[in-house]
C-alpha atoms as a PDB file:
ATOM      1  CA  UNK A   1       0.000   0.000   0.000  1.00  0.00           C
ATOM      2  CA  UNK A   2       2.802   2.390   0.900  1.00  0.00           C
ATOM      3  CA  UNK A   3       4.630   1.538  -2.307  1.00  0.00           C
ATOM      4  CA  UNK A   4       1.544   2.343  -4.373  1.00  0.00           C
ATOM      5  CA  UNK A   5       1.091   5.690  -2.591  1.00  0.00           C
ATOM      6  CA  UNK A   6       4.787   6.564  -3.011  1.00  0.00           C
ATOM      7  CA  UNK A   7       4.634   5.591  -6.687  1.00  0.00           C
ATOM      8  CA  UNK A   8       1.542   7.748  -7.205  1.00  0.00           C
ATOM      9  CA  UNK A   9       3.266  10.732  -5.567  1.00  0.00           C
ATOM     10  CA  UNK A  10       6.343  10.257  -7.800  1.00  0.00           C
ATOM     11  CA  UNK A  11       4.209  10.065 -10.956  1.00  0.00           C
ATOM     12  CA  UNK A  12       2.265  13.216 -10.060  1.00  0.00           C
ATOM     13  CA  UNK A  13       5.500  15.077  -9.242  1.00  0.00           C
ATOM     14  CA  UNK A  14       7.087  13.992 -12.537  1.00  0.00           C
ATOM     15  CA  UNK A  15       4.041  15.072 -14.545  1.00  0.00           C
ATOM     16  CA  UNK A  16       3.851  18.423 -12.735  1.00  0.00           C
ATOM     17  CA  UNK A  17       7.551  19.209 -13.244  1.00  0.00           C
ATOM     18  CA  UNK A  18       7.340  18.173 -16.915  1.00  0.00           C
ATOM     19  CA  UNK A  19       4.402  20.510 -17.500  1.00  0.00           C
ATOM     20  CA  UNK A  20       6.205  23.353 -15.733  1.00  0.00           C
ATOM     21  CA  UNK A  21       9.326  22.823 -17.869  1.00  0.00           C
ATOM     22  CA  UNK A  22       7.254  22.734 -21.074  1.00  0.00           C
ATOM     23  CA  UNK A  23       5.601  25.991 -20.051  1.00  0.00           C
ATOM     24  CA  UNK A  24       8.981  27.663 -19.406  1.00  0.00           C
ATOM     25  CA  UNK A  25      10.302  26.712 -22.871  1.00  0.00           C
ATOM     26  CA  UNK A  26       7.661  28.759 -24.703  1.00  0.00           C
ATOM     27  CA  UNK A  27       9.092  31.957 -26.165  1.00  0.00           C
ATOM     28  CA  UNK A  28       5.788  33.329 -27.427  1.00  0.00           C
ATOM     29  CA  UNK A  29       3.231  35.095 -25.264  1.00  0.00           C
ATOM     30  CA  UNK A  30      -0.250  36.074 -26.431  1.00  0.00           C
ATOM     31  CA  UNK A  31      -1.239  39.390 -24.893  1.00  0.00           C
ATOM     32  CA  UNK A  32      -4.950  40.165 -25.110  1.00  0.00           C
ATOM     33  CA  UNK A  33      -6.135  43.724 -24.510  1.00  0.00           C
ATOM     34  CA  UNK A  34      -9.378  45.527 -25.202  1.00  0.00           C
ATOM     35  CA  UNK A  35     -10.093  44.827 -28.855  1.00  0.00           C
ATOM     36  CA  UNK A  36      -6.513  43.889 -29.723  1.00  0.00           C
ATOM     37  CA  UNK A  37      -4.286  40.859 -29.567  1.00  0.00           C
ATOM     38  CA  UNK A  38      -0.464  41.023 -29.667  1.00  0.00           C
ATOM     39  CA  UNK A  39       2.150  38.273 -29.936  1.00  0.00           C
ATOM     40  CA  UNK A  40       5.329  38.824 -27.913  1.00  0.00           C
ATOM     41  CA  UNK A  41       8.587  36.969 -28.613  1.00  0.00           C
ATOM     42  CA  UNK A  42      10.505  37.012 -25.321  1.00  0.00           C
ATOM     43  CA  UNK A  43      13.441  34.938 -26.599  1.00  0.00           C
ATOM     44  CA  UNK A  44      16.622  36.315 -28.222  1.00  0.00           C
ATOM     45  CA  UNK A  45      16.058  34.110 -31.296  1.00  0.00           C
ATOM     46  CA  UNK A  46      13.801  34.167 -34.341  1.00  0.00           C
ATOM     47  CA  UNK A  47      10.569  32.132 -33.968  1.00  0.00           C
ATOM     48  CA  UNK A  48       7.914  30.796 -36.339  1.00  0.00           C
ATOM     49  CA  UNK A  49       4.388  30.721 -34.959  1.00  0.00           C
ATOM     50  CA  UNK A  50       1.089  29.211 -36.086  1.00  0.00           C
ATOM     51  CA  UNK A  51      -1.987  31.000 -34.725  1.00  0.00           C
ATOM     52  CA  UNK A  52      -5.604  29.843 -34.751  1.00  0.00           C
ATOM     53  CA  UNK A  53      -8.552  32.243 -34.448  1.00  0.00           C
ATOM     54  CA  UNK A  54     -12.112  30.930 -34.054  1.00  0.00           C
ATOM     55  CA  UNK A  55     -15.027  33.315 -34.381  1.00  0.00           C
ATOM     56  CA  UNK A  56     -18.327  32.501 -32.657  1.00  0.00           C
ATOM     57  CA  UNK A  57     -20.705  30.795 -35.079  1.00  0.00           C
ATOM     58  CA  UNK A  58     -18.012  30.197 -37.717  1.00  0.00           C
ATOM     59  CA  UNK A  59     -17.619  26.643 -38.958  1.00  0.00           C
ATOM     60  CA  UNK A  60     -13.873  26.722 -39.560  1.00  0.00           C
ATOM     61  CA  UNK A  61     -11.121  28.539 -37.679  1.00  0.00           C
ATOM     62  CA  UNK A  62      -8.665  30.943 -39.350  1.00  0.00           C
ATOM     63  CA  UNK A  63      -5.019  29.853 -39.356  1.00  0.00           C
ATOM     64  CA  UNK A  64      -2.080  32.227 -39.812  1.00  0.00           C
ATOM     65  CA  UNK A  65       1.680  31.607 -39.884  1.00  0.00           C
ATOM     66  CA  UNK A  66       4.079  34.286 -38.668  1.00  0.00           C
ATOM     67  CA  UNK A  67       7.837  34.717 -38.400  1.00  0.00           C
ATOM     68  CA  UNK A  68       8.966  36.941 -35.536  1.00  0.00           C
ATOM     69  CA  UNK A  69      12.373  38.460 -34.986  1.00  0.00           C
ATOM     70  CA  UNK A  70      14.168  38.223 -31.643  1.00  0.00           C
ATOM     71  CA  UNK A  71      12.437  39.967 -28.715  1.00  0.00           C
ATOM     72  CA  UNK A  72       9.762  41.533 -30.900  1.00  0.00           C
ATOM     73  CA  UNK A  73       6.025  42.186 -30.785  1.00  0.00           C
ATOM     74  CA  UNK A  74       3.452  41.584 -33.510  1.00  0.00           C
ATOM     75  CA  UNK A  75      -0.100  42.990 -33.437  1.00  0.00           C
ATOM     76  CA  UNK A  76      -2.552  40.399 -34.772  1.00  0.00           C
ATOM     77  CA  UNK A  77      -5.196  41.382 -37.348  1.00  0.00           C
ATOM     78  CA  UNK A  78      -8.074  39.681 -35.508  1.00  0.00           C
ATOM     79  CA  UNK A  79     -10.659  42.183 -34.256  1.00  0.00           C
ATOM     80  CA  UNK A  80     -13.893  41.608 -32.450  1.00  0.00           C
ATOM     81  CA  UNK A  81     -15.117  38.482 -30.697  1.00  0.00           C
ATOM     82  CA  UNK A  82     -13.424  35.123 -30.953  1.00  0.00           C
ATOM     83  CA  UNK A  83     -10.804  32.903 -29.389  1.00  0.00           C
ATOM     84  CA  UNK A  84      -7.169  33.257 -30.464  1.00  0.00           C
ATOM     85  CA  UNK A  85      -4.476  30.787 -29.504  1.00  0.00           C
ATOM     86  CA  UNK A  86      -0.937  29.803 -30.466  1.00  0.00           C
ATOM     87  CA  UNK A  87      -1.055  26.219 -31.706  1.00  0.00           C
ATOM     88  CA  UNK A  88       2.569  25.756 -32.816  1.00  0.00           C
ATOM     89  CA  UNK A  89       5.884  27.443 -32.194  1.00  0.00           C
ATOM     90  CA  UNK A  90       9.426  26.702 -33.302  1.00  0.00           C
ATOM     91  CA  UNK A  91      12.789  28.111 -34.238  1.00  0.00           C
ATOM     92  CA  UNK A  92      13.137  29.719 -37.654  1.00  0.00           C
ATOM     93  CA  UNK A  93      14.383  27.364 -40.346  1.00  0.00           C
ATOM     94  CA  UNK A  94      17.763  28.126 -41.805  1.00  0.00           C
ATOM     95  CA  UNK A  95      17.841  27.802 -45.601  1.00  0.00           C
ATOM     96  CA  UNK A  96      19.853  24.817 -46.792  1.00  0.00           C
ATOM     97  CA  UNK A  97      20.546  23.787 -43.202  1.00  0.00           C
ATOM     98  CA  UNK A  98      23.120  26.568 -42.877  1.00  0.00           C
ATOM     99  CA  UNK A  99      24.721  26.958 -39.488  1.00  0.00           C
ATOM    100  CA  UNK A 100      25.842  30.191 -37.906  1.00  0.00           C
ATOM    101  CA  UNK A 101      29.027  30.128 -39.908  1.00  0.00           C
ATOM    102  CA  UNK A 102      31.282  33.144 -39.922  1.00  0.00           C
ATOM    103  CA  UNK A 103      29.848  35.767 -42.216  1.00  0.00           C
ATOM    104  CA  UNK A 104      28.320  39.186 -42.400  1.00  0.00           C
ATOM    105  CA  UNK A 105      27.241  40.525 -39.041  1.00  0.00           C
ATOM    106  CA  UNK A 106      24.540  42.878 -40.305  1.00  0.00           C
ATOM    107  CA  UNK A 107      25.830  46.219 -39.036  1.00  0.00           C
ATOM    108  CA  UNK A 108      23.906  49.428 -39.681  1.00  0.00           C
ATOM    109  CA  UNK A 109      24.238  50.486 -43.333  1.00  0.00           C
ATOM    110  CA  UNK A 110      25.301  47.038 -44.598  1.00  0.00           C
ATOM    111  CA  UNK A 111      23.376  45.410 -47.420  1.00  0.00           C
ATOM    112  CA  UNK A 112      22.291  42.035 -46.082  1.00  0.00           C
ATOM    113  CA  UNK A 113      18.867  41.580 -47.700  1.00  0.00           C
ATOM    114  CA  UNK A 114      18.451  41.084 -51.449  1.00  0.00           C
ATOM    115  CA  UNK A 115      15.312  40.971 -53.573  1.00  0.00           C
ATOM    116  CA  UNK A 116      15.406  37.840 -55.744  1.00  0.00           C
ATOM    117  CA  UNK A 117      13.156  36.219 -58.332  1.00  0.00           C
ATOM    118  CA  UNK A 118      11.898  32.907 -57.002  1.00  0.00           C
ATOM    119  CA  UNK A 119      10.228  30.062 -58.879  1.00  0.00           C
ATOM    120  CA  UNK A 120       7.109  30.815 -60.864  1.00  0.00           C
ATOM    121  CA  UNK A 121       7.829  34.533 -61.203  1.00  0.00           C
ATOM    122  CA  UNK A 122       7.414  35.152 -57.484  1.00  0.00           C
ATOM    123  CA  UNK A 123       9.610  37.465 -55.437  1.00  0.00           C
ATOM    124  CA  UNK A 124      11.481  36.741 -52.212  1.00  0.00           C
ATOM    125  CA  UNK A 125      13.586  38.727 -49.762  1.00  0.00           C
ATOM    126  CA  UNK A 126      16.736  36.843 -48.722  1.00  0.00           C
ATOM    127  CA  UNK A 127      18.742  37.837 -45.628  1.00  0.00           C
ATOM    128  CA  UNK A 128      22.369  36.781 -46.105  1.00  0.00           C
ATOM    129  CA  UNK A 129      23.530  38.002 -42.689  1.00  0.00           C
ATOM    130  CA  UNK A 130      23.257  35.918 -39.551  1.00  0.00           C
ATOM    131  CA  UNK A 131      21.353  38.616 -37.646  1.00  0.00           C
ATOM    132  CA  UNK A 132      17.710  39.663 -37.952  1.00  0.00           C
ATOM    133  CA  UNK A 133      16.999  42.568 -40.340  1.00  0.00           C
ATOM    134  CA  UNK A 134      14.079  44.997 -40.633  1.00  0.00           C
ATOM    135  CA  UNK A 135      13.363  45.836 -44.288  1.00  0.00           C
ATOM    136  CA  UNK A 136      11.085  48.356 -45.995  1.00  0.00           C
ATOM    137  CA  UNK A 137       9.968  47.052 -49.408  1.00  0.00           C
ATOM    138  CA  UNK A 138       8.222  49.280 -51.943  1.00  0.00           C
ATOM    139  CA  UNK A 139       5.882  48.147 -54.715  1.00  0.00           C
ATOM    140  CA  UNK A 140       5.277  50.373 -57.750  1.00  0.00           C
ATOM    141  CA  UNK A 141       1.990  49.773 -59.575  1.00  0.00           C
ATOM    142  CA  UNK A 142       1.346  50.479 -63.266  1.00  0.00           C
ATOM    143  CA  UNK A 143      -0.510  53.713 -62.526  1.00  0.00           C
ATOM    144  CA  UNK A 144       2.470  55.026 -60.522  1.00  0.00           C
ATOM    145  CA  UNK A 145       0.908  54.300 -57.126  1.00  0.00           C
ATOM    146  CA  UNK A 146       3.496  53.250 -54.538  1.00  0.00           C
ATOM    147  CA  UNK A 147       2.904  51.083 -51.471  1.00  0.00           C
ATOM    148  CA  UNK A 148       5.412  50.254 -48.749  1.00  0.00           C
ATOM    149  CA  UNK A 149       5.586  47.307 -46.379  1.00  0.00           C
ATOM    150  CA  UNK A 150       7.897  46.691 -43.412  1.00  0.00           C
ATOM    151  CA  UNK A 151       9.079  43.111 -42.916  1.00  0.00           C
ATOM    152  CA  UNK A 152      11.268  41.456 -40.277  1.00  0.00           C
ATOM    153  CA  UNK A 153      13.531  38.743 -41.671  1.00  0.00           C
ATOM    154  CA  UNK A 154      15.436  36.307 -39.470  1.00  0.00           C
ATOM    155  CA  UNK A 155      19.144  35.770 -40.006  1.00  0.00           C
ATOM    156  CA  UNK A 156      20.000  33.597 -43.025  1.00  0.00           C
ATOM    157  CA  UNK A 157      16.309  33.285 -43.913  1.00  0.00           C
ATOM    158  CA  UNK A 158      14.049  34.082 -46.850  1.00  0.00           C
ATOM    159  CA  UNK A 159      10.476  35.373 -46.919  1.00  0.00           C
ATOM    160  CA  UNK A 160       8.170  35.659 -49.935  1.00  0.00           C
ATOM    161  CA  UNK A 161       7.160  39.128 -51.106  1.00  0.00           C
ATOM    162  CA  UNK A 162       3.722  39.109 -52.743  1.00  0.00           C
ATOM    163  CA  UNK A 163       3.489  41.204 -55.907  1.00  0.00           C
ATOM    164  CA  UNK A 164      -0.036  42.437 -55.035  1.00  0.00           C
ATOM    165  CA  UNK A 165      -0.525  43.613 -58.622  1.00  0.00           C
ATOM    166  CA  UNK A 166       2.649  45.720 -58.702  1.00  0.00           C
ATOM    167  CA  UNK A 167       4.766  46.086 -61.824  1.00  0.00           C
ATOM    168  CA  UNK A 168       8.004  46.612 -59.871  1.00  0.00           C
ATOM    169  CA  UNK A 169       9.365  46.085 -56.368  1.00  0.00           C
ATOM    170  CA  UNK A 170      12.478  47.309 -54.576  1.00  0.00           C
ATOM    171  CA  UNK A 171      14.094  47.526 -51.152  1.00  0.00           C
ATOM    172  CA  UNK A 172      13.903  51.072 -49.808  1.00  0.00           C
ATOM    173  CA  UNK A 173      15.843  50.573 -46.560  1.00  0.00           C
ATOM    174  CA  UNK A 174      17.138  47.916 -44.221  1.00  0.00           C
ATOM    175  CA  UNK A 175      18.619  47.915 -40.749  1.00  0.00           C
ATOM    176  CA  UNK A 176      19.313  45.532 -37.868  1.00  0.00           C
ATOM    177  CA  UNK A 177      16.282  44.540 -35.795  1.00  0.00           C
ATOM    178  CA  UNK A 178      15.732  46.225 -32.435  1.00  0.00           C
ATOM    179  CA  UNK A 179      17.118  44.328 -29.488  1.00  0.00           C
END
């Protein structure tokens, strides 16, 4: 009888400590305010996140994938009622399995991010430095209208840049991410 009780106590303690450790490993926090939801990355590394948002009465939830730079915040586009939760989180993938080999450090004024043509006529922004970069990309439409978008790109990573009907695209500025 005593053995069974001792075994039960050990199992409960092991499960409790395992859950506490799993909770500590999460780098992403979901901050919910009045009418707004913000993701916070509290780790000093780039993270990829999958978010689910379920509106009341909707049959299917909305899924979104995000890439967040180190120690950054990201306002979510979900407004109004509904339940938002982080369903997956992981480290950013490094293209080609590249390690943090010696290379460009991404100092202010350095050109780390390039605009490249990807497969199928799509565009991508490629960060060749090992540090996170904040980039302002500009799209020029046929009528001369210009739109700008700010993107955060993890070190040695690539992100697609949607054409959104633009005839041309270019990088206006880039700088290291805020720490």
